[in-house]
Amino acid sequence: MNVFGKVGDQAKLVKQAMALKKALEAEIISIEESGVKIVISGDQKIKELVVNGMTNAVLVETLNKALKKSQEAAARKMQEMAGGMGGFLGRQ
């Protein structure tokens, strides 16, 4: 495959990734139990948290920061594992 073909493939993957990101952001899950209501998007961002009728924006922001750090740590671990599997994935 020539360089232009690889660039085209990469552009296609980026476009697909962006479409998936938008679809996940649009997906909304809402759960309400025992006086607690939580609304979260498919990209794992808390949109609303209500406990006994009261909201707490600071709690939502802090939870979202913790979730982001957890996702970043998981992504790093996955990259480390994938790096060790270069031969299996067709990389040298």
C-alpha atoms as a PDB file:
ATOM      1  CA  MET A   1       0.000   0.000   0.000  1.00  0.00           C
ATOM      2  CA  ASN A   2       1.351   3.424  -0.854  1.00  0.00           C
ATOM      3  CA  VAL A   3       1.626   6.359   1.536  1.00  0.00           C
ATOM      4  CA  PHE A   4      -1.521   8.021   0.171  1.00  0.00           C
ATOM      5  CA  GLY A   5      -3.537   4.858   0.753  1.00  0.00           C
ATOM      6  CA  LYS A   6      -2.401   4.733   4.377  1.00  0.00           C
ATOM      7  CA  VAL A   7      -3.312   8.396   4.877  1.00  0.00           C
ATOM      8  CA  GLY A   8      -6.737   7.732   3.385  1.00  0.00           C
ATOM      9  CA  ASP A   9      -7.257   4.740   5.669  1.00  0.00           C
ATOM     10  CA  GLN A  10      -6.200   6.809   8.670  1.00  0.00           C
ATOM     11  CA  ALA A  11      -8.580   9.619   7.700  1.00  0.00           C
ATOM     12  CA  LYS A  12     -11.388   7.077   7.396  1.00  0.00           C
ATOM     13  CA  LEU A  13     -10.628   5.717  10.881  1.00  0.00           C
ATOM     14  CA  VAL A  14     -10.590   9.228  12.355  1.00  0.00           C
ATOM     15  CA  LYS A  15     -13.954   9.963  10.729  1.00  0.00           C
ATOM     16  CA  GLN A  16     -15.417   6.725  12.125  1.00  0.00           C
ATOM     17  CA  ALA A  17     -14.017   7.504  15.588  1.00  0.00           C
ATOM     18  CA  MET A  18     -15.587  10.975  15.528  1.00  0.00           C
ATOM     19  CA  ALA A  19     -18.951   9.537  14.473  1.00  0.00           C
ATOM     20  CA  LEU A  20     -18.781   7.005  17.319  1.00  0.00           C
ATOM     21  CA  LYS A  21     -17.870   9.762  19.793  1.00  0.00           C
ATOM     22  CA  LYS A  22     -20.894  11.836  18.724  1.00  0.00           C
ATOM     23  CA  ALA A  23     -23.197   8.823  18.952  1.00  0.00           C
ATOM     24  CA  LEU A  24     -21.968   8.022  22.465  1.00  0.00           C
ATOM     25  CA  GLU A  25     -22.345  11.640  23.597  1.00  0.00           C
ATOM     26  CA  ALA A  26     -25.961  11.601  22.364  1.00  0.00           C
ATOM     27  CA  GLU A  27     -26.829   8.374  24.206  1.00  0.00           C
ATOM     28  CA  ILE A  28     -28.441   9.238  27.566  1.00  0.00           C
ATOM     29  CA  ILE A  29     -29.031   6.758  30.402  1.00  0.00           C
ATOM     30  CA  SER A  30     -31.152   7.722  33.395  1.00  0.00           C
ATOM     31  CA  ILE A  31     -31.550   5.666  36.568  1.00  0.00           C
ATOM     32  CA  GLU A  32     -33.633   6.571  39.612  1.00  0.00           C
ATOM     33  CA  GLU A  33     -33.675   4.492  42.789  1.00  0.00           C
ATOM     34  CA  SER A  34     -34.172   5.192  46.504  1.00  0.00           C
ATOM     35  CA  GLY A  35     -34.242   8.972  46.123  1.00  0.00           C
ATOM     36  CA  VAL A  36     -31.166   9.075  43.893  1.00  0.00           C
ATOM     37  CA  LYS A  37     -31.380   9.997  40.217  1.00  0.00           C
ATOM     38  CA  ILE A  38     -28.374   9.917  37.920  1.00  0.00           C
ATOM     39  CA  VAL A  39     -28.248  10.839  34.249  1.00  0.00           C
ATOM     40  CA  ILE A  40     -25.130   9.809  32.359  1.00  0.00           C
ATOM     41  CA  SER A  41     -24.162   9.985  28.709  1.00  0.00           C
ATOM     42  CA  GLY A  42     -22.852   7.072  26.676  1.00  0.00           C
ATOM     43  CA  ASP A  43     -19.368   8.606  26.801  1.00  0.00           C
ATOM     44  CA  GLN A  44     -19.515   8.171  30.597  1.00  0.00           C
ATOM     45  CA  LYS A  45     -20.051  11.771  31.638  1.00  0.00           C
ATOM     46  CA  ILE A  46     -22.446  12.471  34.466  1.00  0.00           C
ATOM     47  CA  LYS A  47     -24.998  15.001  33.296  1.00  0.00           C
ATOM     48  CA  GLU A  48     -27.199  15.159  36.387  1.00  0.00           C
ATOM     49  CA  LEU A  49     -27.095  13.830  39.937  1.00  0.00           C
ATOM     50  CA  VAL A  50     -30.001  14.388  42.280  1.00  0.00           C
ATOM     51  CA  VAL A  51     -30.135  13.021  45.837  1.00  0.00           C
ATOM     52  CA  ASN A  52     -33.449  13.420  47.674  1.00  0.00           C
ATOM     53  CA  GLY A  53     -34.429  16.278  45.360  1.00  0.00           C
ATOM     54  CA  MET A  54     -31.150  18.166  45.744  1.00  0.00           C
ATOM     55  CA  THR A  55     -28.446  18.627  43.137  1.00  0.00           C
ATOM     56  CA  ASN A  56     -24.748  19.239  43.760  1.00  0.00           C
ATOM     57  CA  ALA A  57     -22.771  20.634  40.819  1.00  0.00           C
ATOM     58  CA  VAL A  58     -19.450  20.297  42.667  1.00  0.00           C
ATOM     59  CA  LEU A  59     -20.081  16.592  43.243  1.00  0.00           C
ATOM     60  CA  VAL A  60     -20.948  16.066  39.563  1.00  0.00           C
ATOM     61  CA  GLU A  61     -17.798  17.919  38.452  1.00  0.00           C
ATOM     62  CA  THR A  62     -15.605  15.938  40.865  1.00  0.00           C
ATOM     63  CA  LEU A  63     -17.097  12.617  39.804  1.00  0.00           C
ATOM     64  CA  ASN A  64     -16.541  13.490  36.128  1.00  0.00           C
ATOM     65  CA  LYS A  65     -12.891  14.352  36.861  1.00  0.00           C
ATOM     66  CA  ALA A  66     -12.429  11.012  38.628  1.00  0.00           C
ATOM     67  CA  LEU A  67     -14.063   9.133  35.757  1.00  0.00           C
ATOM     68  CA  LYS A  68     -11.803  10.892  33.239  1.00  0.00           C
ATOM     69  CA  LYS A  69      -8.657   9.991  35.214  1.00  0.00           C
ATOM     70  CA  SER A  70      -9.840   6.388  35.428  1.00  0.00           C
ATOM     71  CA  GLN A  71     -10.461   6.264  31.669  1.00  0.00           C
ATOM     72  CA  GLU A  72      -7.025   7.762  30.985  1.00  0.00           C
ATOM     73  CA  ALA A  73      -5.368   5.166  33.235  1.00  0.00           C
ATOM     74  CA  ALA A  74      -7.250   2.367  31.466  1.00  0.00           C
ATOM     75  CA  ALA A  75      -6.209   3.741  28.064  1.00  0.00           C
ATOM     76  CA  ARG A  76      -2.544   3.842  29.157  1.00  0.00           C
ATOM     77  CA  LYS A  77      -2.711   0.222  30.338  1.00  0.00           C
ATOM     78  CA  MET A  78      -4.329  -0.829  27.064  1.00  0.00           C
ATOM     79  CA  GLN A  79      -1.579   0.945  25.090  1.00  0.00           C
ATOM     80  CA  GLU A  80       1.090  -0.775  27.179  1.00  0.00           C
ATOM     81  CA  MET A  81      -0.519  -4.154  26.525  1.00  0.00           C
ATOM     82  CA  ALA A  82      -0.957  -3.451  22.817  1.00  0.00           C
ATOM     83  CA  GLY A  83       2.670  -2.322  22.575  1.00  0.00           C
ATOM     84  CA  GLY A  84       3.796  -5.691  23.876  1.00  0.00           C
ATOM     85  CA  MET A  85       1.616  -7.434  21.307  1.00  0.00           C
ATOM     86  CA  GLY A  86       3.113  -5.654  18.263  1.00  0.00           C
ATOM     87  CA  GLY A  87       3.961  -8.922  16.508  1.00  0.00           C
ATOM     88  CA  PHE A  88       0.427 -10.239  16.985  1.00  0.00           C
ATOM     89  CA  LEU A  89      -1.065  -7.040  15.597  1.00  0.00           C
ATOM     90  CA  GLY A  90       1.066  -7.057  12.470  1.00  0.00           C
ATOM     91  CA  ARG A  91       3.528  -4.446  13.766  1.00  0.00           C
ATOM     92  CA  GLN A  92       7.253  -4.886  13.951  1.00  0.00           C
END
